[in-house]
Protein backbone atom coordinates (compact mmCIF):
# COMPACT_ATOMS: atom_id res chain seq x y z
CA MET A 1 37.02 55.59 19.65
CA ASN A 2 33.36 55.34 20.16
CA ILE A 3 32.52 52.07 21.71
CA LEU A 4 28.96 52.01 20.05
CA PHE A 5 31.12 52.24 16.89
CA ALA A 6 33.80 49.89 17.56
CA VAL A 7 31.36 47.17 18.62
CA ILE A 8 29.44 47.75 15.00
CA ALA A 9 32.41 47.95 13.35
CA LEU A 10 33.62 44.50 14.72
CA VAL A 11 29.66 43.05 13.93
CA ILE A 12 30.51 43.83 10.32
CA LEU A 13 33.94 42.66 10.12
CA LEU A 14 32.89 39.10 11.99
CA PHE A 15 30.25 38.51 9.50
CA SER A 16 32.34 39.73 6.24
CA ALA A 17 34.69 37.14 7.34
CA ILE A 18 32.40 34.73 7.78
CA LEU A 19 31.24 34.94 4.22
CA HIS A 20 34.74 35.36 3.34
CA GLU A 21 34.81 31.85 4.66
CA ILE A 22 31.75 30.43 3.50
CA ALA A 23 32.86 31.31 -0.11
CA HIS A 24 36.45 29.14 0.68
CA GLY A 25 34.27 26.20 1.37
CA LEU A 26 31.65 26.37 -1.40
CA ALA A 27 34.12 26.81 -3.96
CA ALA A 28 35.92 23.68 -2.34
CA GLU A 29 32.67 21.86 -2.59
CA ARG A 30 32.11 22.56 -6.54
CA LEU A 31 35.65 21.34 -7.07
CA GLY A 32 35.03 18.07 -5.12
CA ASP A 33 36.10 18.53 -1.72
CA PRO A 34 32.87 18.51 0.87
CA THR A 35 35.40 18.74 3.67
CA ALA A 36 33.86 22.38 4.86
CA ARG A 37 30.27 20.99 4.44
CA LEU A 38 30.25 17.86 6.42
CA ALA A 39 32.56 20.21 9.53
CA GLY A 40 28.98 21.93 9.68
CA ARG A 41 31.03 25.10 8.40
CA LEU A 42 28.71 26.23 5.40
CA THR A 43 26.52 28.43 8.12
CA LEU A 44 25.90 31.90 8.92
CA ASN A 45 25.91 30.93 12.65
CA PRO A 46 28.62 32.70 14.20
CA LYS A 47 29.20 30.21 16.69
CA ASN A 48 30.54 27.79 14.04
CA HIS A 49 32.94 30.20 12.96
CA ILE A 50 34.03 32.74 15.54
CA ASP A 51 37.93 32.07 16.54
CA PRO A 52 37.97 34.32 20.31
CA ILE A 53 41.34 36.21 19.50
CA MET A 54 41.02 36.51 15.79
CA SER A 55 37.21 37.24 15.92
CA ILE A 56 36.92 39.57 18.32
CA ALA A 57 39.93 40.55 20.72
CA LEU A 58 42.42 41.59 18.03
CA PRO A 59 39.95 43.67 15.25
CA LEU A 60 38.56 44.93 18.82
CA ILE A 61 41.83 46.12 20.52
CA LEU A 62 42.88 47.38 16.76
CA LEU A 63 39.26 49.32 16.64
CA ILE A 64 39.32 50.69 20.02
CA SER A 65 43.29 51.56 19.55
CA GLY A 66 42.44 54.00 16.40
CA SER A 67 44.60 51.66 14.62
CA PRO A 68 44.41 52.59 10.86
CA ILE A 69 44.87 48.83 9.76
CA VAL A 70 41.85 46.95 11.76
CA ILE A 71 42.82 42.68 11.12
CA GLY A 72 40.35 40.14 11.72
CA ALA A 73 39.35 36.65 10.59
CA ALA A 74 37.00 33.64 11.18
CA LYS A 75 38.13 30.12 11.85
CA PRO A 76 39.38 28.68 8.57
CA VAL A 77 37.47 26.68 6.96
CA PRO A 78 38.53 22.50 6.80
CA VAL A 79 39.95 22.16 2.97
CA ASP A 80 41.30 18.82 2.07
CA PRO A 81 43.24 19.66 -0.95
CA PHE A 82 43.59 15.51 -1.64
CA ASN A 83 39.82 15.45 -2.72
CA PHE A 84 40.84 17.97 -5.82
CA ARG A 85 41.44 17.39 -9.30
CA ASP A 86 44.12 19.54 -9.42
CA GLY A 87 45.62 20.18 -6.32
CA ARG A 88 47.54 23.34 -6.53
CA LYS A 89 45.28 24.97 -9.23
CA ASP A 90 42.16 24.22 -7.16
CA LEU A 91 43.44 25.19 -3.93
CA ALA A 92 44.46 28.67 -5.71
CA LEU A 93 41.04 28.99 -6.78
CA VAL A 94 39.56 28.29 -3.26
CA SER A 95 41.72 30.69 -1.94
CA LEU A 96 40.82 33.03 -4.25
CA ALA A 97 37.15 32.77 -3.81
CA GLY A 98 37.36 34.53 -0.36
CA PRO A 99 38.77 37.80 -1.23
CA LEU A 100 36.54 37.91 -4.55
CA THR A 101 33.37 37.63 -1.83
CA ASN A 102 34.52 40.65 -0.35
CA VAL A 103 35.60 42.89 -3.17
CA ALA A 104 31.60 41.55 -4.49
CA ILE A 105 30.25 42.89 -0.92
CA ALA A 106 31.93 46.20 -1.48
CA ILE A 107 30.84 46.47 -4.48
CA ILE A 108 27.03 46.06 -3.76
CA PHE A 109 27.57 48.26 -0.87
CA SER A 110 28.89 51.20 -2.80
CA PHE A 111 26.00 51.45 -5.09
CA ILE A 112 23.79 51.36 -1.92
CA LEU A 113 25.74 53.59 -0.66
CA ARG A 114 25.23 56.45 -3.40
CA ILE A 115 21.51 55.80 -2.58
CA PHE A 116 21.38 55.57 0.71
CA PRO A 117 25.40 57.70 2.22
CA LEU A 118 25.04 56.24 5.92
CA GLU A 119 28.56 55.53 7.60
CA ILE A 120 27.58 52.26 8.44
CA ILE A 121 27.37 51.35 4.68
CA ALA A 122 30.59 53.22 4.12
CA LEU A 123 31.86 51.08 6.83
CA ILE A 124 30.73 47.75 5.15
CA VAL A 125 32.26 48.69 2.01
CA ARG A 126 35.95 49.96 3.64
CA LEU A 127 36.22 46.88 5.88
CA ASN A 128 35.29 43.85 3.18
CA LEU A 129 38.01 46.07 1.05
CA LEU A 130 40.56 45.76 3.99
CA LEU A 131 39.90 41.85 4.17
CA ALA A 132 40.26 41.18 0.55
CA ILE A 133 43.71 43.31 0.34
CA PHE A 134 44.62 41.67 3.25
CA ASN A 135 44.18 38.73 2.53
CA LEU A 136 45.36 38.68 -0.94
CA ILE A 137 48.81 39.44 0.58
CA PRO A 138 51.26 36.71 -0.48
CA ILE A 139 52.54 35.36 2.79
CA PRO A 140 51.29 31.91 4.27
CA PRO A 141 48.59 31.29 5.50
CA LEU A 142 46.94 34.03 3.79
CA ASP A 143 45.13 33.25 0.96
CA GLY A 144 47.61 35.39 -1.66
CA SER A 145 50.08 33.05 -0.83
CA LYS A 146 48.38 30.08 -2.04
CA ILE A 147 47.86 31.92 -5.66
CA PHE A 148 51.36 32.97 -5.66
CA SER A 149 52.54 29.80 -4.99
CA LEU A 150 51.34 28.30 -8.83
CA LEU A 151 54.21 30.73 -9.70
CA LEU A 152 57.04 28.47 -7.78
CA PRO A 153 58.08 24.94 -8.74
CA GLU A 154 55.89 22.30 -6.55
CA LYS A 155 58.78 21.31 -4.02
CA LEU A 156 59.61 25.53 -3.36
CA ALA A 157 55.83 25.85 -3.51
CA ASN A 158 55.61 23.63 -0.55
CA ALA A 159 58.40 24.50 1.33
CA PHE A 160 57.01 28.21 0.85
CA LEU A 161 53.26 27.11 2.26
CA SER A 162 54.68 25.59 5.01
CA LEU A 163 55.83 28.29 6.54
CA GLY A 164 52.76 29.11 7.37
CA SER A 165 52.50 28.11 10.65
CA ILE A 166 54.74 31.26 11.49
CA GLY A 167 53.60 33.27 8.89
CA ILE A 168 51.26 35.22 11.18
CA PHE A 169 54.32 36.16 13.23
CA ILE A 170 55.91 37.67 10.01
CA ILE A 171 52.68 39.46 9.34
CA PHE A 172 52.25 41.34 12.72
CA PHE A 173 56.20 42.21 12.89
CA LEU A 174 55.61 44.11 9.35
CA LEU A 175 52.11 45.66 10.60
CA LEU A 176 54.07 46.89 13.27
CA SER A 177 57.12 48.21 11.33
CA GLN A 178 57.54 51.68 10.26
CA GLY A 179 58.66 53.15 7.58
CA ALA A 180 57.04 53.85 3.35
CA LEU A 181 57.74 50.19 2.80
CA SER A 182 55.67 48.82 5.65
CA LEU A 183 53.44 46.34 5.03
CA GLY A 184 50.92 48.40 6.72
CA THR A 185 51.77 51.46 4.73
CA LEU A 186 51.12 48.93 1.43
CA ILE A 187 48.00 48.35 2.61
CA SER A 188 46.66 51.43 3.88
CA SER A 189 47.78 52.76 0.19
CA LEU A 190 45.89 49.98 -1.47
CA LEU A 191 42.79 50.58 0.50
CA LEU A 192 42.75 54.37 -0.64
CA PHE A 193 43.16 53.51 -4.01
CA SER A 194 40.55 50.81 -4.37
CA GLU A 195 37.93 53.38 -2.33
CA LYS A 196 38.80 55.96 -5.27
CA LEU A 197 37.61 52.99 -7.75
CA LEU A 198 34.53 52.92 -6.04
CA GLY A 199 33.85 56.18 -6.05
CA LEU A 200 34.41 57.10 -2.20
């Protein structure tokens, strides 16, 4: 892949991930938890959000290697569920705010793309759809796991969410696995379906 294109894609991915995290923080504040604001995380300043591995190294390696699936993330905003009125439900709403923000960005730029059919705009749409789809996977610590946990009894939900410390390794294994039912194949299929819905 062209290095310049990879760098542009990395910048788009980074700011999309930052907006994703800010959305979590804003949603948490609306639901009674000011932790993200007090930690200085409700800002577009990249230095407050960058994780050297997840924000730069991993997505850059995937982009340069030509991987069909590119993932990346900003540092998660701190959230304290004890400040919520309804801990599990509110945590799920906060978790949903991030992917919905990426979907909104993708929809907005898909309309812009119809007027200005530029590759960089198409890339903004694609990467935001990818972020939304990836984060909605119900594997801890991804956002989808907090939403899925609402379907479980409280004790089982807590045990499920406690897998967050090893969940990222499960995700990497599934992304690297082969076969029609692999996570990578599923994400690619959902991404293609989403792009068709937006007329790309």
